[in-house]
């Protein structure tokens, strides 16, 4: 009887660990803003009076094992990654070139006179 109770406790412990790790992984933002990226703005429409500096393609995990991550969180992380890349191109503005697909997205980088 005690070995059965011990087996149940082990199974419950494993389930609890998987549950906690899944919750932690889905709640976390894994992408952090790089220095200088906070000054990069994101626009939806092509900005006027700006010079195109290039394009960047960024990607994050949109699913973990069998769990699909929150799409709003995925979008935010993709945007942050694009903003992180912009200063390296001499850009201060990024514009999505299209919607995210499978955790990947392209952005156009612009240098705008403000």
C-alpha atoms as a PDB file:
ATOM      1  CA  UNK A   1       0.000   0.000   0.000  1.00  0.00           C
ATOM      2  CA  UNK A   2       2.754   2.476   0.867  1.00  0.00           C
ATOM      3  CA  UNK A   3       4.514   1.891  -2.487  1.00  0.00           C
ATOM      4  CA  UNK A   4       1.283   2.783  -4.265  1.00  0.00           C
ATOM      5  CA  UNK A   5       0.993   6.000  -2.246  1.00  0.00           C
ATOM      6  CA  UNK A   6       4.630   6.748  -3.022  1.00  0.00           C
ATOM      7  CA  UNK A   7       3.972   6.228  -6.756  1.00  0.00           C
ATOM      8  CA  UNK A   8       0.968   8.555  -6.625  1.00  0.00           C
ATOM      9  CA  UNK A   9       3.032  11.208  -4.872  1.00  0.00           C
ATOM     10  CA  UNK A  10       5.785  10.918  -7.481  1.00  0.00           C
ATOM     11  CA  UNK A  11       3.274  11.212 -10.327  1.00  0.00           C
ATOM     12  CA  UNK A  12       1.599  14.194  -8.643  1.00  0.00           C
ATOM     13  CA  UNK A  13       4.983  15.847  -8.120  1.00  0.00           C
ATOM     14  CA  UNK A  14       5.886  15.408 -11.786  1.00  0.00           C
ATOM     15  CA  UNK A  15       2.522  16.788 -12.887  1.00  0.00           C
ATOM     16  CA  UNK A  16       2.968  19.784 -10.587  1.00  0.00           C
ATOM     17  CA  UNK A  17       6.445  20.492 -11.985  1.00  0.00           C
ATOM     18  CA  UNK A  18       5.167  20.305 -15.584  1.00  0.00           C
ATOM     19  CA  UNK A  19       2.251  22.580 -14.704  1.00  0.00           C
ATOM     20  CA  UNK A  20       4.475  25.178 -13.012  1.00  0.00           C
ATOM     21  CA  UNK A  21       7.006  25.161 -15.861  1.00  0.00           C
ATOM     22  CA  UNK A  22       4.258  25.538 -18.460  1.00  0.00           C
ATOM     23  CA  UNK A  23       2.678  28.432 -16.576  1.00  0.00           C
ATOM     24  CA  UNK A  24       6.036  30.121 -16.098  1.00  0.00           C
ATOM     25  CA  UNK A  25       7.003  29.705 -19.735  1.00  0.00           C
ATOM     26  CA  UNK A  26       3.773  31.161 -21.040  1.00  0.00           C
ATOM     27  CA  UNK A  27       3.714  34.118 -18.661  1.00  0.00           C
ATOM     28  CA  UNK A  28       7.301  35.195 -19.217  1.00  0.00           C
ATOM     29  CA  UNK A  29       8.497  37.705 -21.710  1.00  0.00           C
ATOM     30  CA  UNK A  30      11.794  36.358 -22.949  1.00  0.00           C
ATOM     31  CA  UNK A  31      12.745  39.384 -25.016  1.00  0.00           C
ATOM     32  CA  UNK A  32      14.092  42.475 -23.300  1.00  0.00           C
ATOM     33  CA  UNK A  33      14.587  45.953 -24.721  1.00  0.00           C
ATOM     34  CA  UNK A  34      18.193  46.689 -25.722  1.00  0.00           C
ATOM     35  CA  UNK A  35      19.845  50.037 -24.975  1.00  0.00           C
ATOM     36  CA  UNK A  36      18.635  52.649 -27.450  1.00  0.00           C
ATOM     37  CA  UNK A  37      15.662  50.579 -28.607  1.00  0.00           C
ATOM     38  CA  UNK A  38      13.216  52.470 -26.389  1.00  0.00           C
ATOM     39  CA  UNK A  39      13.697  55.516 -28.634  1.00  0.00           C
ATOM     40  CA  UNK A  40      12.619  53.548 -31.728  1.00  0.00           C
ATOM     41  CA  UNK A  41       8.988  54.085 -32.585  1.00  0.00           C
ATOM     42  CA  UNK A  42       6.703  51.611 -34.322  1.00  0.00           C
ATOM     43  CA  UNK A  43       4.357  52.824 -37.059  1.00  0.00           C
ATOM     44  CA  UNK A  44       1.692  51.006 -39.066  1.00  0.00           C
ATOM     45  CA  UNK A  45       1.740  53.260 -42.156  1.00  0.00           C
ATOM     46  CA  UNK A  46       4.747  54.168 -44.286  1.00  0.00           C
ATOM     47  CA  UNK A  47       6.188  57.293 -42.664  1.00  0.00           C
ATOM     48  CA  UNK A  48       6.681  60.414 -44.772  1.00  0.00           C
ATOM     49  CA  UNK A  49       9.991  62.281 -44.897  1.00  0.00           C
ATOM     50  CA  UNK A  50      11.960  59.165 -43.946  1.00  0.00           C
ATOM     51  CA  UNK A  51      14.794  57.222 -45.548  1.00  0.00           C
ATOM     52  CA  UNK A  52      14.544  53.446 -45.754  1.00  0.00           C
ATOM     53  CA  UNK A  53      17.509  51.904 -43.933  1.00  0.00           C
ATOM     54  CA  UNK A  54      16.743  48.243 -44.623  1.00  0.00           C
ATOM     55  CA  UNK A  55      14.627  45.373 -43.436  1.00  0.00           C
ATOM     56  CA  UNK A  56      14.899  43.039 -40.481  1.00  0.00           C
ATOM     57  CA  UNK A  57      13.379  39.628 -39.944  1.00  0.00           C
ATOM     58  CA  UNK A  58      12.825  38.578 -36.364  1.00  0.00           C
ATOM     59  CA  UNK A  59      11.469  35.411 -34.787  1.00  0.00           C
ATOM     60  CA  UNK A  60      10.406  33.985 -31.440  1.00  0.00           C
ATOM     61  CA  UNK A  61       8.879  30.714 -30.306  1.00  0.00           C
ATOM     62  CA  UNK A  62       5.144  30.863 -30.894  1.00  0.00           C
ATOM     63  CA  UNK A  63       4.516  27.481 -29.306  1.00  0.00           C
ATOM     64  CA  UNK A  64       6.148  25.356 -26.657  1.00  0.00           C
ATOM     65  CA  UNK A  65       5.657  21.637 -27.107  1.00  0.00           C
ATOM     66  CA  UNK A  66       1.882  21.263 -27.329  1.00  0.00           C
ATOM     67  CA  UNK A  67       1.043  24.754 -26.037  1.00  0.00           C
ATOM     68  CA  UNK A  68       0.462  27.765 -28.328  1.00  0.00           C
ATOM     69  CA  UNK A  69       1.736  30.979 -26.739  1.00  0.00           C
ATOM     70  CA  UNK A  70      -0.433  34.069 -26.386  1.00  0.00           C
ATOM     71  CA  UNK A  71      -0.338  35.769 -29.798  1.00  0.00           C
ATOM     72  CA  UNK A  72      -0.365  39.273 -28.304  1.00  0.00           C
ATOM     73  CA  UNK A  73       2.745  38.405 -26.295  1.00  0.00           C
ATOM     74  CA  UNK A  74       4.392  36.945 -29.411  1.00  0.00           C
ATOM     75  CA  UNK A  75       3.624  40.168 -31.351  1.00  0.00           C
ATOM     76  CA  UNK A  76       5.045  42.299 -28.544  1.00  0.00           C
ATOM     77  CA  UNK A  77       8.244  40.262 -28.482  1.00  0.00           C
ATOM     78  CA  UNK A  78       8.634  40.455 -32.269  1.00  0.00           C
ATOM     79  CA  UNK A  79       8.173  44.229 -32.110  1.00  0.00           C
ATOM     80  CA  UNK A  80      10.750  44.507 -29.332  1.00  0.00           C
ATOM     81  CA  UNK A  81      13.242  42.470 -31.352  1.00  0.00           C
ATOM     82  CA  UNK A  82      12.710  44.739 -34.373  1.00  0.00           C
ATOM     83  CA  UNK A  83      13.201  47.808 -32.195  1.00  0.00           C
ATOM     84  CA  UNK A  84      16.399  46.234 -30.822  1.00  0.00           C
ATOM     85  CA  UNK A  85      17.767  45.830 -34.376  1.00  0.00           C
ATOM     86  CA  UNK A  86      16.867  49.334 -35.612  1.00  0.00           C
ATOM     87  CA  UNK A  87      19.717  51.337 -34.012  1.00  0.00           C
ATOM     88  CA  UNK A  88      22.256  49.028 -35.668  1.00  0.00           C
ATOM     89  CA  UNK A  89      20.832  50.070 -39.045  1.00  0.00           C
ATOM     90  CA  UNK A  90      20.796  53.748 -38.128  1.00  0.00           C
ATOM     91  CA  UNK A  91      16.997  53.628 -37.960  1.00  0.00           C
ATOM     92  CA  UNK A  92      14.684  55.283 -35.452  1.00  0.00           C
ATOM     93  CA  UNK A  93      11.379  53.884 -36.746  1.00  0.00           C
ATOM     94  CA  UNK A  94      10.173  50.406 -37.692  1.00  0.00           C
ATOM     95  CA  UNK A  95       7.111  49.386 -39.657  1.00  0.00           C
ATOM     96  CA  UNK A  96       5.710  45.844 -39.910  1.00  0.00           C
ATOM     97  CA  UNK A  97       6.023  44.607 -43.503  1.00  0.00           C
ATOM     98  CA  UNK A  98       3.256  42.086 -42.832  1.00  0.00           C
ATOM     99  CA  UNK A  99       1.627  40.127 -40.036  1.00  0.00           C
ATOM    100  CA  UNK A 100       3.504  37.574 -37.933  1.00  0.00           C
ATOM    101  CA  UNK A 101       3.510  34.031 -39.304  1.00  0.00           C
ATOM    102  CA  UNK A 102       4.614  31.073 -37.171  1.00  0.00           C
ATOM    103  CA  UNK A 103       6.530  33.350 -34.802  1.00  0.00           C
ATOM    104  CA  UNK A 104       8.346  35.255 -37.572  1.00  0.00           C
ATOM    105  CA  UNK A 105       7.845  38.777 -38.886  1.00  0.00           C
ATOM    106  CA  UNK A 106       9.602  41.226 -41.220  1.00  0.00           C
ATOM    107  CA  UNK A 107       9.932  44.926 -40.443  1.00  0.00           C
ATOM    108  CA  UNK A 108      11.064  47.865 -42.554  1.00  0.00           C
ATOM    109  CA  UNK A 109      13.565  50.108 -40.774  1.00  0.00           C
ATOM    110  CA  UNK A 110      13.373  53.879 -41.372  1.00  0.00           C
ATOM    111  CA  UNK A 111      15.451  56.917 -40.425  1.00  0.00           C
ATOM    112  CA  UNK A 112      13.032  59.801 -39.941  1.00  0.00           C
ATOM    113  CA  UNK A 113      13.705  63.497 -39.416  1.00  0.00           C
ATOM    114  CA  UNK A 114      11.701  64.553 -36.380  1.00  0.00           C
END
